């Protein structure tokens, strides 16, 4: 049997139906984070020196249009990561009482302040977790899997912090009343 290529009209119609289906289900791309125009330079700090989370949040803010603050600059807005906590809890055990499955948990506390010290985003806690299997009789690759999950959780934590910042800023902008 010889297949003939689909006509350009059929391809266009198929693409149109797919786009229409996506728009009908409510799908839309996320917008870029909307930072206030008067925010000025932003510094991201952490209680953990060389924190990969702080670096990821700083990169996300730069992509959102925030101007990074110079190291010696004063009176700058700051996103402070007040704490980062990791936990590894067993969630399933075998018949000998050995842990088979774990839940890797990651929590961060942050606050975003304007240059004048007022809270732009009040102190908040973000918690994430992922489960993984670690059979006690075959632990090969378990540590590597845990490291991959930890890196994934750091990326997701940075994105969650940026979404929280955006949500608070967008919520505040919508809650403001127009000037008379």
N, C-alpha and C. Protein backbone atom coordinates (compact mmCIF):
# COMPACT_ATOMS: atom_id res chain seq x y z
N UNK A 1 0.83 -1.17 0.00
CA UNK A 1 0.00 0.00 0.00
C UNK A 1 0.88 1.24 0.00
N UNK A 2 0.60 2.18 -0.84
CA UNK A 2 1.36 3.42 -0.95
C UNK A 2 0.65 4.50 -0.14
N UNK A 3 1.44 5.15 0.74
CA UNK A 3 0.86 6.25 1.54
C UNK A 3 1.14 7.56 0.83
N UNK A 4 0.15 8.38 0.77
CA UNK A 4 0.33 9.71 0.19
C UNK A 4 0.43 10.70 1.34
N UNK A 5 1.27 11.71 1.19
CA UNK A 5 1.41 12.70 2.26
C UNK A 5 0.09 13.44 2.47
N UNK A 6 -0.17 13.80 3.70
CA UNK A 6 -1.39 14.53 4.03
C UNK A 6 -1.36 15.90 3.35
N UNK A 7 -2.50 16.32 2.94
CA UNK A 7 -2.56 17.62 2.25
C UNK A 7 -2.28 18.74 3.24
N UNK A 8 -1.77 19.87 2.77
CA UNK A 8 -1.49 21.00 3.65
C UNK A 8 -2.76 21.50 4.37
N UNK A 9 -3.89 21.39 3.74
CA UNK A 9 -5.14 21.83 4.36
C UNK A 9 -5.47 20.93 5.56
N UNK A 10 -5.26 19.62 5.39
CA UNK A 10 -5.53 18.69 6.48
C UNK A 10 -4.58 18.93 7.65
N UNK A 11 -3.32 19.20 7.37
CA UNK A 11 -2.34 19.51 8.42
C UNK A 11 -2.74 20.78 9.16
N UNK A 12 -3.12 21.80 8.44
CA UNK A 12 -3.54 23.06 9.04
C UNK A 12 -4.77 22.87 9.90
N UNK A 13 -5.73 22.10 9.41
CA UNK A 13 -6.95 21.83 10.16
C UNK A 13 -6.64 21.05 11.45
N UNK A 14 -5.75 20.09 11.37
CA UNK A 14 -5.35 19.32 12.55
C UNK A 14 -4.68 20.22 13.58
N UNK A 15 -3.77 21.07 13.14
CA UNK A 15 -3.10 22.00 14.06
C UNK A 15 -4.12 22.94 14.70
N UNK A 16 -5.07 23.42 13.93
CA UNK A 16 -6.10 24.33 14.46
C UNK A 16 -6.94 23.63 15.53
N UNK A 17 -7.31 22.39 15.28
CA UNK A 17 -8.12 21.64 16.24
C UNK A 17 -7.33 21.41 17.54
N UNK A 18 -6.03 21.11 17.44
CA UNK A 18 -5.21 20.91 18.63
C UNK A 18 -5.09 22.20 19.44
N UNK A 19 -4.85 23.31 18.77
CA UNK A 19 -4.74 24.60 19.46
C UNK A 19 -6.07 24.97 20.11
N UNK A 20 -7.16 24.75 19.41
CA UNK A 20 -8.48 25.03 19.96
C UNK A 20 -8.75 24.15 21.18
N UNK A 21 -8.34 22.90 21.12
CA UNK A 21 -8.53 22.00 22.26
C UNK A 21 -7.74 22.44 23.48
N UNK A 22 -6.50 22.90 23.26
CA UNK A 22 -5.70 23.38 24.39
C UNK A 22 -6.30 24.63 25.01
N UNK A 23 -6.79 25.54 24.20
CA UNK A 23 -7.37 26.76 24.75
C UNK A 23 -8.68 26.47 25.46
N UNK A 24 -9.42 25.49 25.01
CA UNK A 24 -10.71 25.16 25.63
C UNK A 24 -10.52 24.52 27.01
N UNK A 25 -9.40 23.84 27.23
CA UNK A 25 -9.20 23.18 28.52
C UNK A 25 -8.63 24.12 29.56
N UNK A 26 -8.37 25.36 29.21
CA UNK A 26 -7.86 26.33 30.18
C UNK A 26 -6.34 26.40 30.23
N UNK A 27 -5.65 25.68 29.37
CA UNK A 27 -4.19 25.70 29.37
C UNK A 27 -3.69 27.07 28.93
N UNK A 28 -2.72 27.60 29.64
CA UNK A 28 -2.03 28.81 29.21
C UNK A 28 -0.62 28.80 29.78
N UNK A 29 0.30 29.41 29.07
CA UNK A 29 1.68 29.47 29.52
C UNK A 29 1.79 30.41 30.71
N UNK A 30 2.73 30.12 31.60
CA UNK A 30 2.96 31.03 32.73
C UNK A 30 3.58 32.30 32.24
N UNK A 31 3.14 33.39 32.81
CA UNK A 31 3.74 34.67 32.49
C UNK A 31 5.03 34.84 33.29
N UNK A 32 5.84 35.77 32.84
CA UNK A 32 7.05 36.10 33.56
C UNK A 32 6.66 36.74 34.89
N UNK A 33 7.46 36.55 35.90
CA UNK A 33 7.17 37.13 37.21
C UNK A 33 7.11 38.65 37.07
N UNK A 34 6.07 39.23 37.65
CA UNK A 34 5.88 40.68 37.58
C UNK A 34 6.43 41.31 38.85
N UNK A 35 7.64 41.85 38.79
CA UNK A 35 8.22 42.54 39.93
C UNK A 35 7.80 44.00 39.89
N UNK A 36 7.65 44.64 41.05
CA UNK A 36 7.29 46.07 41.05
C UNK A 36 8.35 46.91 40.35
N UNK A 37 7.91 47.93 39.63
CA UNK A 37 8.83 48.78 38.88
C UNK A 37 9.78 49.56 39.79
N UNK A 38 9.33 49.87 41.00
CA UNK A 38 10.14 50.67 41.92
C UNK A 38 11.00 49.82 42.85
N UNK A 39 11.18 48.55 42.55
CA UNK A 39 11.88 47.64 43.44
C UNK A 39 13.37 47.95 43.54
N UNK A 40 14.01 48.29 42.44
CA UNK A 40 15.44 48.56 42.45
C UNK A 40 16.25 47.28 42.46
N UNK A 41 17.54 47.39 42.78
CA UNK A 41 18.40 46.20 42.81
C UNK A 41 17.98 45.23 43.91
N UNK A 42 18.22 43.94 43.66
CA UNK A 42 17.82 42.88 44.60
C UNK A 42 19.04 42.03 44.94
N UNK A 43 19.16 41.71 46.22
CA UNK A 43 20.21 40.81 46.68
C UNK A 43 19.54 39.57 47.26
N UNK A 44 20.05 38.40 46.90
CA UNK A 44 19.55 37.14 47.46
C UNK A 44 20.61 36.65 48.44
N UNK A 45 20.18 36.42 49.68
CA UNK A 45 21.10 35.95 50.71
C UNK A 45 20.56 34.66 51.33
N UNK A 46 21.46 33.93 51.95
CA UNK A 46 21.09 32.69 52.62
C UNK A 46 21.94 32.53 53.86
N UNK A 47 21.41 31.83 54.84
CA UNK A 47 22.18 31.52 56.03
C UNK A 47 23.24 30.46 55.73
N UNK A 48 23.07 29.75 54.62
CA UNK A 48 24.03 28.74 54.18
C UNK A 48 24.95 29.36 53.14
N UNK A 49 26.25 29.40 53.46
CA UNK A 49 27.19 29.98 52.51
C UNK A 49 27.24 29.12 51.25
N UNK A 50 27.27 29.75 50.10
CA UNK A 50 27.31 29.08 48.79
C UNK A 50 26.09 28.19 48.57
N UNK A 51 24.94 28.65 48.97
CA UNK A 51 23.71 27.87 48.85
C UNK A 51 23.30 27.74 47.38
N UNK A 52 23.14 26.50 46.89
CA UNK A 52 22.66 26.32 45.52
C UNK A 52 21.24 26.86 45.34
N UNK A 53 20.44 26.81 46.40
CA UNK A 53 19.08 27.36 46.33
C UNK A 53 19.12 28.87 46.15
N UNK A 54 19.96 29.56 46.91
CA UNK A 54 20.06 31.01 46.78
C UNK A 54 20.51 31.39 45.37
N UNK A 55 21.45 30.64 44.83
CA UNK A 55 21.92 30.92 43.47
C UNK A 55 20.82 30.70 42.45
N UNK A 56 20.05 29.63 42.60
CA UNK A 56 18.95 29.35 41.66
C UNK A 56 17.87 30.43 41.75
N UNK A 57 17.56 30.89 42.95
CA UNK A 57 16.56 31.96 43.11
C UNK A 57 17.09 33.25 42.50
N UNK A 58 18.37 33.56 42.69
CA UNK A 58 18.96 34.77 42.12
C UNK A 58 18.90 34.74 40.59
N UNK A 59 19.18 33.58 40.01
CA UNK A 59 19.10 33.44 38.55
C UNK A 59 17.66 33.65 38.09
N UNK A 60 16.70 33.06 38.81
CA UNK A 60 15.29 33.23 38.46
C UNK A 60 14.85 34.68 38.54
N UNK A 61 15.31 35.40 39.55
CA UNK A 61 14.96 36.81 39.67
C UNK A 61 15.58 37.63 38.54
N UNK A 62 16.81 37.30 38.16
CA UNK A 62 17.44 38.01 37.03
C UNK A 62 16.64 37.78 35.75
N UNK A 63 16.18 36.55 35.55
CA UNK A 63 15.36 36.25 34.37
C UNK A 63 14.03 37.00 34.41
N UNK A 64 13.57 37.31 35.62
CA UNK A 64 12.30 38.04 35.78
C UNK A 64 12.50 39.54 35.61
N UNK A 65 13.75 39.97 35.44
CA UNK A 65 14.00 41.39 35.22
C UNK A 65 14.57 42.12 36.41
N UNK A 66 14.84 41.42 37.51
CA UNK A 66 15.42 42.07 38.68
C UNK A 66 16.88 42.42 38.40
N UNK A 67 17.30 43.56 38.91
CA UNK A 67 18.68 44.00 38.75
C UNK A 67 19.47 43.47 39.95
N UNK A 68 20.54 42.69 39.70
CA UNK A 68 21.31 42.18 40.84
C UNK A 68 22.03 43.33 41.55
N UNK A 69 22.10 43.26 42.88
CA UNK A 69 22.75 44.30 43.67
C UNK A 69 24.25 44.04 43.73
N UNK A 70 25.02 45.11 43.74
CA UNK A 70 26.46 45.00 43.93
C UNK A 70 26.73 44.50 45.35
N UNK A 71 27.89 43.87 45.54
CA UNK A 71 28.22 43.29 46.84
C UNK A 71 28.28 44.35 47.94
N UNK A 72 28.75 45.56 47.60
CA UNK A 72 28.90 46.61 48.61
C UNK A 72 27.73 47.60 48.62
N UNK A 73 26.71 47.36 47.82
CA UNK A 73 25.58 48.28 47.74
C UNK A 73 24.75 48.25 49.02
N UNK A 74 24.26 49.40 49.40
CA UNK A 74 23.38 49.51 50.56
C UNK A 74 22.00 49.91 50.06
N UNK A 75 21.02 49.77 50.92
CA UNK A 75 19.64 50.12 50.58
C UNK A 75 19.16 49.40 49.33
N UNK A 76 19.24 48.08 49.37
CA UNK A 76 18.75 47.27 48.26
C UNK A 76 17.67 46.32 48.78
N UNK A 77 16.78 45.91 47.91
CA UNK A 77 15.79 44.91 48.28
C UNK A 77 16.50 43.59 48.50
N UNK A 78 15.96 42.77 49.38
CA UNK A 78 16.63 41.50 49.66
C UNK A 78 15.63 40.37 49.81
N UNK A 79 15.95 39.28 49.16
CA UNK A 79 15.22 38.04 49.36
C UNK A 79 16.14 37.20 50.23
N UNK A 80 15.70 36.97 51.46
CA UNK A 80 16.54 36.24 52.40
C UNK A 80 15.99 34.82 52.59
N UNK A 81 16.84 33.86 52.37
CA UNK A 81 16.48 32.47 52.67
C UNK A 81 16.96 32.24 54.10
N UNK A 82 16.00 32.19 55.02
CA UNK A 82 16.31 32.14 56.44
C UNK A 82 16.73 30.76 56.91
N UNK A 83 16.19 29.73 56.28
CA UNK A 83 16.63 28.37 56.63
C UNK A 83 16.29 27.40 55.51
N UNK A 84 17.09 26.35 55.45
CA UNK A 84 16.87 25.23 54.53
C UNK A 84 17.02 23.97 55.36
N UNK A 85 16.05 23.09 55.27
CA UNK A 85 16.10 21.84 56.04
C UNK A 85 15.82 20.65 55.13
N UNK A 86 16.63 19.61 55.34
CA UNK A 86 16.44 18.35 54.62
C UNK A 86 16.03 17.28 55.61
N UNK A 87 15.20 16.37 55.17
CA UNK A 87 14.82 15.23 56.00
C UNK A 87 14.64 14.01 55.12
N UNK A 88 14.94 12.85 55.68
CA UNK A 88 14.83 11.60 54.96
C UNK A 88 14.09 10.63 55.86
N UNK A 89 12.79 10.46 55.63
CA UNK A 89 11.97 9.64 56.51
C UNK A 89 11.61 8.31 55.87
N UNK A 90 11.76 7.20 56.60
CA UNK A 90 11.30 5.92 56.06
C UNK A 90 9.77 5.88 56.05
N UNK A 91 9.20 5.42 54.96
CA UNK A 91 7.74 5.37 54.86
C UNK A 91 7.22 3.96 54.63
N UNK A 92 8.11 3.00 54.39
CA UNK A 92 7.70 1.60 54.22
C UNK A 92 8.84 0.71 54.71
N UNK A 93 8.46 -0.36 55.40
CA UNK A 93 9.46 -1.29 55.90
C UNK A 93 9.14 -2.70 55.41
N UNK A 94 10.16 -3.56 55.38
CA UNK A 94 9.93 -4.95 54.96
C UNK A 94 9.59 -5.80 56.19
N UNK A 95 9.48 -7.11 55.99
CA UNK A 95 9.08 -8.00 57.08
C UNK A 95 10.15 -8.15 58.16
N UNK A 96 11.36 -7.68 57.88
CA UNK A 96 12.44 -7.71 58.87
C UNK A 96 12.62 -6.36 59.58
N UNK A 97 11.75 -5.41 59.27
CA UNK A 97 11.83 -4.10 59.92
C UNK A 97 12.83 -3.15 59.29
N UNK A 98 13.31 -3.48 58.10
CA UNK A 98 14.26 -2.60 57.40
C UNK A 98 13.50 -1.66 56.48
N UNK A 99 13.96 -0.43 56.41
CA UNK A 99 13.31 0.57 55.56
C UNK A 99 13.47 0.19 54.10
N UNK A 100 12.36 0.25 53.36
CA UNK A 100 12.34 -0.08 51.93
C UNK A 100 12.13 1.16 51.07
N UNK A 101 11.34 2.09 51.59
CA UNK A 101 10.97 3.28 50.83
C UNK A 101 11.14 4.49 51.74
N UNK A 102 11.62 5.58 51.14
CA UNK A 102 11.89 6.79 51.91
C UNK A 102 11.17 7.98 51.27
N UNK A 103 10.96 8.99 52.09
CA UNK A 103 10.43 10.26 51.62
C UNK A 103 11.50 11.31 51.88
N UNK A 104 12.04 11.88 50.81
CA UNK A 104 13.03 12.94 50.92
C UNK A 104 12.27 14.26 51.01
N UNK A 105 12.47 14.99 52.11
CA UNK A 105 11.73 16.23 52.36
C UNK A 105 12.69 17.41 52.37
N UNK A 106 12.19 18.53 51.83
CA UNK A 106 12.99 19.75 51.74
C UNK A 106 12.08 20.92 52.09
N UNK A 107 12.52 21.72 53.04
CA UNK A 107 11.74 22.89 53.45
C UNK A 107 12.65 24.11 53.47
N UNK A 108 12.10 25.24 53.08
CA UNK A 108 12.84 26.50 53.11
C UNK A 108 11.92 27.59 53.65
N UNK A 109 12.52 28.49 54.42
CA UNK A 109 11.81 29.65 54.95
C UNK A 109 12.46 30.87 54.32
N UNK A 110 11.64 31.78 53.78
CA UNK A 110 12.20 32.96 53.14
C UNK A 110 11.33 34.18 53.43
N UNK A 111 11.90 35.34 53.20
CA UNK A 111 11.20 36.62 53.29
C UNK A 111 11.80 37.53 52.22
N UNK A 112 10.97 38.38 51.62
CA UNK A 112 11.42 39.31 50.59
C UNK A 112 11.11 40.71 51.09
N UNK A 113 12.14 41.52 51.29
CA UNK A 113 11.97 42.88 51.82
C UNK A 113 12.42 43.92 50.81
N UNK A 114 11.69 45.03 50.83
CA UNK A 114 12.08 46.19 50.02
C UNK A 114 13.33 46.83 50.63
N UNK A 115 13.90 47.78 49.93
CA UNK A 115 15.10 48.47 50.40
C UNK A 115 14.84 49.23 51.70
N UNK A 116 13.60 49.69 51.92
CA UNK A 116 13.29 50.43 53.16
C UNK A 116 13.01 49.51 54.34
N UNK A 117 13.07 48.19 54.14
CA UNK A 117 12.88 47.23 55.22
C UNK A 117 11.47 46.69 55.34
N UNK A 118 10.53 47.23 54.60
CA UNK A 118 9.16 46.71 54.66
C UNK A 118 9.07 45.40 53.89
N UNK A 119 8.17 44.54 54.34
CA UNK A 119 8.02 43.23 53.70
C UNK A 119 7.27 43.37 52.39
N UNK A 120 7.88 42.93 51.32
CA UNK A 120 7.20 42.81 50.04
C UNK A 120 6.46 41.47 50.03
N UNK A 121 7.14 40.43 50.49
CA UNK A 121 6.55 39.10 50.68
C UNK A 121 6.88 38.70 52.11
N UNK A 122 5.86 38.56 52.97
CA UNK A 122 6.14 38.20 54.36
C UNK A 122 6.76 36.82 54.46
N UNK A 123 7.32 36.54 55.63
CA UNK A 123 8.00 35.26 55.85
C UNK A 123 7.06 34.10 55.53
N UNK A 124 7.58 33.16 54.74
CA UNK A 124 6.79 32.01 54.31
C UNK A 124 7.64 30.75 54.34
N UNK A 125 6.97 29.63 54.45
CA UNK A 125 7.62 28.32 54.43
C UNK A 125 7.14 27.58 53.18
N UNK A 126 8.08 26.98 52.47
CA UNK A 126 7.75 26.14 51.32
C UNK A 126 8.31 24.76 51.63
N UNK A 127 7.46 23.73 51.51
CA UNK A 127 7.88 22.36 51.77
C UNK A 127 7.60 21.51 50.54
N UNK A 128 8.58 20.68 50.19
CA UNK A 128 8.44 19.75 49.07
C UNK A 128 8.92 18.38 49.52
N UNK A 129 8.42 17.34 48.86
CA UNK A 129 8.91 15.99 49.18
C UNK A 129 8.81 15.11 47.94
N UNK A 130 9.67 14.11 47.91
CA UNK A 130 9.67 13.10 46.86
C UNK A 130 9.94 11.76 47.52
N UNK A 131 9.28 10.73 47.03
CA UNK A 131 9.48 9.39 47.56
C UNK A 131 10.40 8.60 46.65
N UNK A 132 11.20 7.72 47.25
CA UNK A 132 12.05 6.84 46.46
C UNK A 132 12.21 5.50 47.17
N UNK A 133 12.48 4.48 46.38
CA UNK A 133 12.63 3.12 46.89
C UNK A 133 14.11 2.83 47.08
N UNK A 134 14.43 2.19 48.20
CA UNK A 134 15.81 1.81 48.50
C UNK A 134 15.81 0.43 49.15
N UNK A 135 15.78 -0.63 48.34
CA UNK A 135 15.76 -1.96 48.92
C UNK A 135 17.06 -2.23 49.71
N UNK A 136 16.96 -2.67 50.96
CA UNK A 136 18.16 -2.86 51.78
C UNK A 136 19.10 -3.94 51.25
N UNK A 137 18.58 -4.92 50.51
CA UNK A 137 19.45 -5.99 50.01
C UNK A 137 20.17 -5.59 48.72
N UNK A 138 19.78 -4.48 48.09
CA UNK A 138 20.42 -4.03 46.86
C UNK A 138 20.45 -2.50 46.85
N UNK A 139 21.44 -1.94 47.52
CA UNK A 139 21.53 -0.49 47.66
C UNK A 139 22.31 0.17 46.52
N UNK A 140 22.65 -0.57 45.49
CA UNK A 140 23.40 -0.01 44.37
C UNK A 140 22.58 1.08 43.69
N UNK A 141 23.16 2.25 43.58
CA UNK A 141 22.49 3.36 42.89
C UNK A 141 21.57 4.18 43.76
N UNK A 142 21.34 3.75 45.01
CA UNK A 142 20.41 4.48 45.87
C UNK A 142 20.91 5.88 46.18
N UNK A 143 22.21 6.01 46.49
CA UNK A 143 22.76 7.33 46.80
C UNK A 143 22.69 8.25 45.59
N UNK A 144 22.95 7.71 44.41
CA UNK A 144 22.87 8.51 43.19
C UNK A 144 21.44 8.97 42.95
N UNK A 145 20.48 8.07 43.16
CA UNK A 145 19.08 8.43 42.99
C UNK A 145 18.69 9.53 43.98
N UNK A 146 19.17 9.43 45.22
CA UNK A 146 18.87 10.45 46.22
C UNK A 146 19.46 11.79 45.81
N UNK A 147 20.68 11.81 45.29
CA UNK A 147 21.31 13.05 44.84
C UNK A 147 20.53 13.67 43.68
N UNK A 148 20.08 12.85 42.75
CA UNK A 148 19.28 13.36 41.62
C UNK A 148 17.99 13.98 42.14
N UNK A 149 17.33 13.29 43.09
CA UNK A 149 16.10 13.83 43.68
C UNK A 149 16.37 15.13 44.42
N UNK A 150 17.50 15.20 45.14
CA UNK A 150 17.84 16.42 45.87
C UNK A 150 18.04 17.59 44.91
N UNK A 151 18.73 17.37 43.80
CA UNK A 151 18.92 18.43 42.80
C UNK A 151 17.59 18.86 42.19
N UNK A 152 16.72 17.88 41.93
CA UNK A 152 15.40 18.19 41.39
C UNK A 152 14.58 19.01 42.40
N UNK A 153 14.66 18.63 43.67
CA UNK A 153 13.93 19.38 44.70
C UNK A 153 14.46 20.80 44.84
N UNK A 154 15.77 21.01 44.70
CA UNK A 154 16.32 22.38 44.75
C UNK A 154 15.77 23.23 43.61
N UNK A 155 15.74 22.67 42.41
CA UNK A 155 15.19 23.42 41.26
C UNK A 155 13.71 23.74 41.50
N UNK A 156 12.96 22.76 41.97
CA UNK A 156 11.54 22.97 42.23
C UNK A 156 11.33 23.96 43.37
N UNK A 157 12.21 23.96 44.37
CA UNK A 157 12.09 24.90 45.49
C UNK A 157 12.32 26.32 45.00
N UNK A 158 13.33 26.52 44.15
CA UNK A 158 13.58 27.86 43.61
C UNK A 158 12.36 28.34 42.82
N UNK A 159 11.80 27.46 42.00
CA UNK A 159 10.61 27.82 41.22
C UNK A 159 9.43 28.10 42.13
N UNK A 160 9.27 27.32 43.20
CA UNK A 160 8.15 27.53 44.13
C UNK A 160 8.29 28.87 44.86
N UNK A 161 9.50 29.23 45.24
CA UNK A 161 9.72 30.52 45.91
C UNK A 161 9.38 31.65 44.96
N UNK A 162 9.82 31.54 43.71
CA UNK A 162 9.53 32.59 42.74
C UNK A 162 8.03 32.68 42.46
N UNK A 163 7.33 31.54 42.42
CA UNK A 163 5.87 31.57 42.24
C UNK A 163 5.19 32.23 43.42
N UNK A 164 5.68 31.96 44.64
CA UNK A 164 5.11 32.60 45.83
C UNK A 164 5.30 34.11 45.76
N UNK A 165 6.51 34.54 45.38
CA UNK A 165 6.78 35.97 45.24
C UNK A 165 5.82 36.57 44.23
N UNK A 166 5.69 35.92 43.09
CA UNK A 166 4.80 36.43 42.05
C UNK A 166 3.35 36.46 42.53
N UNK A 167 2.93 35.42 43.22
CA UNK A 167 1.55 35.36 43.71
C UNK A 167 1.24 36.47 44.69
N UNK A 168 2.16 36.75 45.60
CA UNK A 168 1.93 37.82 46.57
C UNK A 168 1.92 39.17 45.88
N UNK A 169 2.84 39.37 44.95
CA UNK A 169 2.90 40.66 44.25
C UNK A 169 1.66 40.84 43.38
N UNK A 170 1.27 39.79 42.65
CA UNK A 170 0.07 39.89 41.81
C UNK A 170 -1.17 40.09 42.67
N UNK A 171 -1.27 39.40 43.79
CA UNK A 171 -2.40 39.54 44.69
C UNK A 171 -2.48 40.94 45.27
N UNK A 172 -1.32 41.50 45.62
CA UNK A 172 -1.29 42.87 46.15
C UNK A 172 -1.67 43.89 45.10
N UNK A 173 -1.24 43.66 43.85
CA UNK A 173 -1.56 44.60 42.78
C UNK A 173 -3.05 44.55 42.45
N UNK A 174 -3.66 43.36 42.53
CA UNK A 174 -5.09 43.25 42.24
C UNK A 174 -5.92 43.79 43.39
N UNK A 175 -5.38 43.72 44.61
CA UNK A 175 -6.14 44.19 45.77
C UNK A 175 -6.08 45.69 45.97
N UNK A 176 -5.19 46.37 45.25
CA UNK A 176 -5.09 47.82 45.39
C UNK A 176 -6.26 48.50 44.70
N UNK A 177 -6.70 49.58 45.31
CA UNK A 177 -7.78 50.36 44.71
C UNK A 177 -7.17 51.46 43.86
N UNK A 178 -7.77 51.76 42.72
CA UNK A 178 -7.22 52.80 41.88
C UNK A 178 -7.31 54.15 42.58
N UNK A 179 -6.34 54.99 42.30
CA UNK A 179 -6.32 56.34 42.89
C UNK A 179 -7.46 57.17 42.34
N UNK A 180 -8.11 58.02 43.20
CA UNK A 180 -9.25 58.81 42.71
C UNK A 180 -8.84 59.91 41.78
